Amino acid sequence: MSKDTIIAKAYDLLKYSTPFIAKFPRGHKFTLGDRLQDLLAELLEMVIEAYYLPPAQKRTILLKANIHLEKTRYFFRLGYDLGLYDSLRYKDFAERVNEIGRMCGGWLKSLEK
């Protein structure tokens, strides 16, 4: 797995979403906004760790990353359902999260071989 792919995608998603999260209304910024940013930062940390861990330890961290991705999907969906961004922005967030999920899944499958 190339470090420049999944790590870059996780970094880009965090960088891309941060300005939108910063614009959340006060009532959502410190609950939903902070939670989303924490999940995205933790996801980035996990894929960096997985890249540098020995092969025998990668699987566990990548499985945790998949769980973080699923949580992230739901929090982005909640933001959309609360009207914090439009459907085009939500679609963009969802596509980026799904792409990282596919990459993570592919990485996990490559470890099984």
C-alpha atoms as a PDB file:
ATOM      1  CA  MET A   1       0.000   0.000   0.000  1.00  0.00           C
ATOM      2  CA  SER A   2       1.429   3.310  -1.012  1.00  0.00           C
ATOM      3  CA  LYS A   3       1.623   5.824   1.798  1.00  0.00           C
ATOM      4  CA  ASP A   4       0.797   8.565  -0.676  1.00  0.00           C
ATOM      5  CA  THR A   5      -2.638   7.174  -1.353  1.00  0.00           C
ATOM      6  CA  ILE A   6      -4.720   6.394   1.709  1.00  0.00           C
ATOM      7  CA  ILE A   7      -2.777   8.725   4.009  1.00  0.00           C
ATOM      8  CA  ALA A   8      -3.078  11.549   1.487  1.00  0.00           C
ATOM      9  CA  LYS A   9      -6.814  10.878   1.072  1.00  0.00           C
ATOM     10  CA  ALA A  10      -7.382  10.897   4.844  1.00  0.00           C
ATOM     11  CA  TYR A  11      -5.336  14.089   5.182  1.00  0.00           C
ATOM     12  CA  ASP A  12      -7.192  15.748   2.304  1.00  0.00           C
ATOM     13  CA  LEU A  13     -10.584  14.855   3.801  1.00  0.00           C
ATOM     14  CA  LEU A  14      -9.590  16.387   7.142  1.00  0.00           C
ATOM     15  CA  LYS A  15      -8.193  19.495   5.444  1.00  0.00           C
ATOM     16  CA  TYR A  16     -11.215  19.819   3.135  1.00  0.00           C
ATOM     17  CA  SER A  17     -13.866  19.359   5.830  1.00  0.00           C
ATOM     18  CA  THR A  18     -12.292  21.566   8.513  1.00  0.00           C
ATOM     19  CA  PRO A  19     -13.433  24.927   7.050  1.00  0.00           C
ATOM     20  CA  PHE A  20     -17.006  23.638   6.696  1.00  0.00           C
ATOM     21  CA  ILE A  21     -17.045  22.258  10.221  1.00  0.00           C
ATOM     22  CA  ALA A  22     -15.687  25.574  11.515  1.00  0.00           C
ATOM     23  CA  LYS A  23     -18.783  27.278  10.061  1.00  0.00           C
ATOM     24  CA  PHE A  24     -21.236  25.071  11.952  1.00  0.00           C
ATOM     25  CA  PRO A  25     -23.590  27.073  14.150  1.00  0.00           C
ATOM     26  CA  ARG A  26     -22.524  27.393  17.776  1.00  0.00           C
ATOM     27  CA  GLY A  27     -25.018  24.739  18.880  1.00  0.00           C
ATOM     28  CA  HIS A  28     -23.408  22.128  16.629  1.00  0.00           C
ATOM     29  CA  LYS A  29     -19.792  23.297  16.392  1.00  0.00           C
ATOM     30  CA  PHE A  30     -18.763  21.994  19.796  1.00  0.00           C
ATOM     31  CA  THR A  31     -20.717  18.754  19.651  1.00  0.00           C
ATOM     32  CA  LEU A  32     -21.076  17.410  16.136  1.00  0.00           C
ATOM     33  CA  GLY A  33     -18.240  19.527  14.736  1.00  0.00           C
ATOM     34  CA  ASP A  34     -15.694  18.519  17.349  1.00  0.00           C
ATOM     35  CA  ARG A  35     -16.731  14.873  17.103  1.00  0.00           C
ATOM     36  CA  LEU A  36     -16.331  14.868  13.315  1.00  0.00           C
ATOM     37  CA  GLN A  37     -12.923  16.526  13.480  1.00  0.00           C
ATOM     38  CA  ASP A  38     -11.786  14.091  16.163  1.00  0.00           C
ATOM     39  CA  LEU A  39     -12.901  11.101  14.086  1.00  0.00           C
ATOM     40  CA  LEU A  40     -11.137  12.425  10.999  1.00  0.00           C
ATOM     41  CA  ALA A  41      -7.925  13.207  12.900  1.00  0.00           C
ATOM     42  CA  GLU A  42      -7.976   9.759  14.528  1.00  0.00           C
ATOM     43  CA  LEU A  43      -8.542   8.166  11.132  1.00  0.00           C
ATOM     44  CA  LEU A  44      -5.487   9.957   9.747  1.00  0.00           C
ATOM     45  CA  GLU A  45      -3.451   8.828  12.745  1.00  0.00           C
ATOM     46  CA  MET A  46      -4.601   5.226  12.286  1.00  0.00           C
ATOM     47  CA  VAL A  47      -3.641   4.969   8.616  1.00  0.00           C
ATOM     48  CA  ILE A  48      -0.256   6.525   9.360  1.00  0.00           C
ATOM     49  CA  GLU A  49       0.282   3.986  12.155  1.00  0.00           C
ATOM     50  CA  ALA A  50      -0.845   1.122   9.940  1.00  0.00           C
ATOM     51  CA  TYR A  51       1.597   2.169   7.240  1.00  0.00           C
ATOM     52  CA  TYR A  52       4.539   1.946   9.636  1.00  0.00           C
ATOM     53  CA  LEU A  53       3.491  -1.079  11.684  1.00  0.00           C
ATOM     54  CA  PRO A  54       4.802  -4.552  10.926  1.00  0.00           C
ATOM     55  CA  PRO A  55       2.442  -6.553   8.680  1.00  0.00           C
ATOM     56  CA  ALA A  56       1.204  -8.706  11.565  1.00  0.00           C
ATOM     57  CA  GLN A  57      -0.116  -5.618  13.396  1.00  0.00           C
ATOM     58  CA  LYS A  58      -1.646  -3.753  10.453  1.00  0.00           C
ATOM     59  CA  ARG A  59      -4.882  -5.741  10.362  1.00  0.00           C
ATOM     60  CA  THR A  60      -6.037  -4.726  13.837  1.00  0.00           C
ATOM     61  CA  ILE A  61      -5.517  -1.022  13.240  1.00  0.00           C
ATOM     62  CA  LEU A  62      -7.124  -1.158   9.793  1.00  0.00           C
ATOM     63  CA  LEU A  63     -10.205  -2.858  11.235  1.00  0.00           C
ATOM     64  CA  LYS A  64     -10.448  -0.017  13.770  1.00  0.00           C
ATOM     65  CA  ALA A  65     -10.034   2.487  10.936  1.00  0.00           C
ATOM     66  CA  ASN A  66     -12.988   0.860   9.151  1.00  0.00           C
ATOM     67  CA  ILE A  67     -15.118   1.356  12.259  1.00  0.00           C
ATOM     68  CA  HIS A  68     -14.027   5.004  12.389  1.00  0.00           C
ATOM     69  CA  LEU A  69     -15.007   5.390   8.749  1.00  0.00           C
ATOM     70  CA  GLU A  70     -18.475   4.028   9.465  1.00  0.00           C
ATOM     71  CA  LYS A  71     -18.915   6.410  12.386  1.00  0.00           C
ATOM     72  CA  THR A  72     -17.725   9.265  10.184  1.00  0.00           C
ATOM     73  CA  ARG A  73     -20.317   8.372   7.541  1.00  0.00           C
ATOM     74  CA  TYR A  74     -23.098   8.662  10.107  1.00  0.00           C
ATOM     75  CA  PHE A  75     -21.843  11.943  11.538  1.00  0.00           C
ATOM     76  CA  PHE A  76     -21.580  13.483   8.061  1.00  0.00           C
ATOM     77  CA  ARG A  77     -25.103  12.229   7.380  1.00  0.00           C
ATOM     78  CA  LEU A  78     -26.314  13.782  10.624  1.00  0.00           C
ATOM     79  CA  GLY A  79     -24.779  17.111   9.600  1.00  0.00           C
ATOM     80  CA  TYR A  80     -26.687  16.948   6.342  1.00  0.00           C
ATOM     81  CA  ASP A  81     -29.940  15.934   8.049  1.00  0.00           C
ATOM     82  CA  LEU A  82     -29.551  18.898  10.405  1.00  0.00           C
ATOM     83  CA  GLY A  83     -29.170  21.222   7.416  1.00  0.00           C
ATOM     84  CA  LEU A  84     -25.550  22.169   8.100  1.00  0.00           C
ATOM     85  CA  TYR A  85     -24.603  21.755   4.429  1.00  0.00           C
ATOM     86  CA  ASP A  86     -26.338  21.066   1.148  1.00  0.00           C
ATOM     87  CA  SER A  87     -26.713  17.780  -0.707  1.00  0.00           C
ATOM     88  CA  LEU A  88     -23.787  18.486  -3.043  1.00  0.00           C
ATOM     89  CA  ARG A  89     -21.413  18.995  -0.127  1.00  0.00           C
ATOM     90  CA  TYR A  90     -22.774  15.881   1.591  1.00  0.00           C
ATOM     91  CA  LYS A  91     -22.278  13.891  -1.619  1.00  0.00           C
ATOM     92  CA  ASP A  92     -18.694  15.105  -1.799  1.00  0.00           C
ATOM     93  CA  PHE A  93     -18.002  14.146   1.832  1.00  0.00           C
ATOM     94  CA  ALA A  94     -19.624  10.730   1.291  1.00  0.00           C
ATOM     95  CA  GLU A  95     -17.612  10.030  -1.871  1.00  0.00           C
ATOM     96  CA  ARG A  96     -14.359  10.910  -0.128  1.00  0.00           C
ATOM     97  CA  VAL A  97     -15.164   8.703   2.877  1.00  0.00           C
ATOM     98  CA  ASN A  98     -16.221   5.838   0.594  1.00  0.00           C
ATOM     99  CA  GLU A  99     -13.001   6.105  -1.404  1.00  0.00           C
ATOM    100  CA  ILE A 100     -10.933   5.846   1.781  1.00  0.00           C
ATOM    101  CA  GLY A 101     -13.104   2.891   2.824  1.00  0.00           C
ATOM    102  CA  ARG A 102     -12.431   1.090  -0.453  1.00  0.00           C
ATOM    103  CA  MET A 103      -8.707   1.699  -0.074  1.00  0.00           C
ATOM    104  CA  CYS A 104      -8.744   0.452   3.504  1.00  0.00           C
ATOM    105  CA  GLY A 105     -10.700  -2.643   2.463  1.00  0.00           C
ATOM    106  CA  GLY A 106      -8.260  -3.323  -0.352  1.00  0.00           C
ATOM    107  CA  TRP A 107      -5.361  -2.966   2.030  1.00  0.00           C
ATOM    108  CA  LEU A 108      -6.983  -5.438   4.415  1.00  0.00           C
ATOM    109  CA  LYS A 109      -7.534  -7.934   1.576  1.00  0.00           C
ATOM    110  CA  SER A 110      -3.901  -7.605   0.500  1.00  0.00           C
ATOM    111  CA  LEU A 111      -2.828  -8.569   4.027  1.00  0.00           C
ATOM    112  CA  GLU A 112      -4.756 -11.845   3.807  1.00  0.00           C
ATOM    113  CA  LYS A 113      -2.553 -13.097   1.001  1.00  0.00           C
END
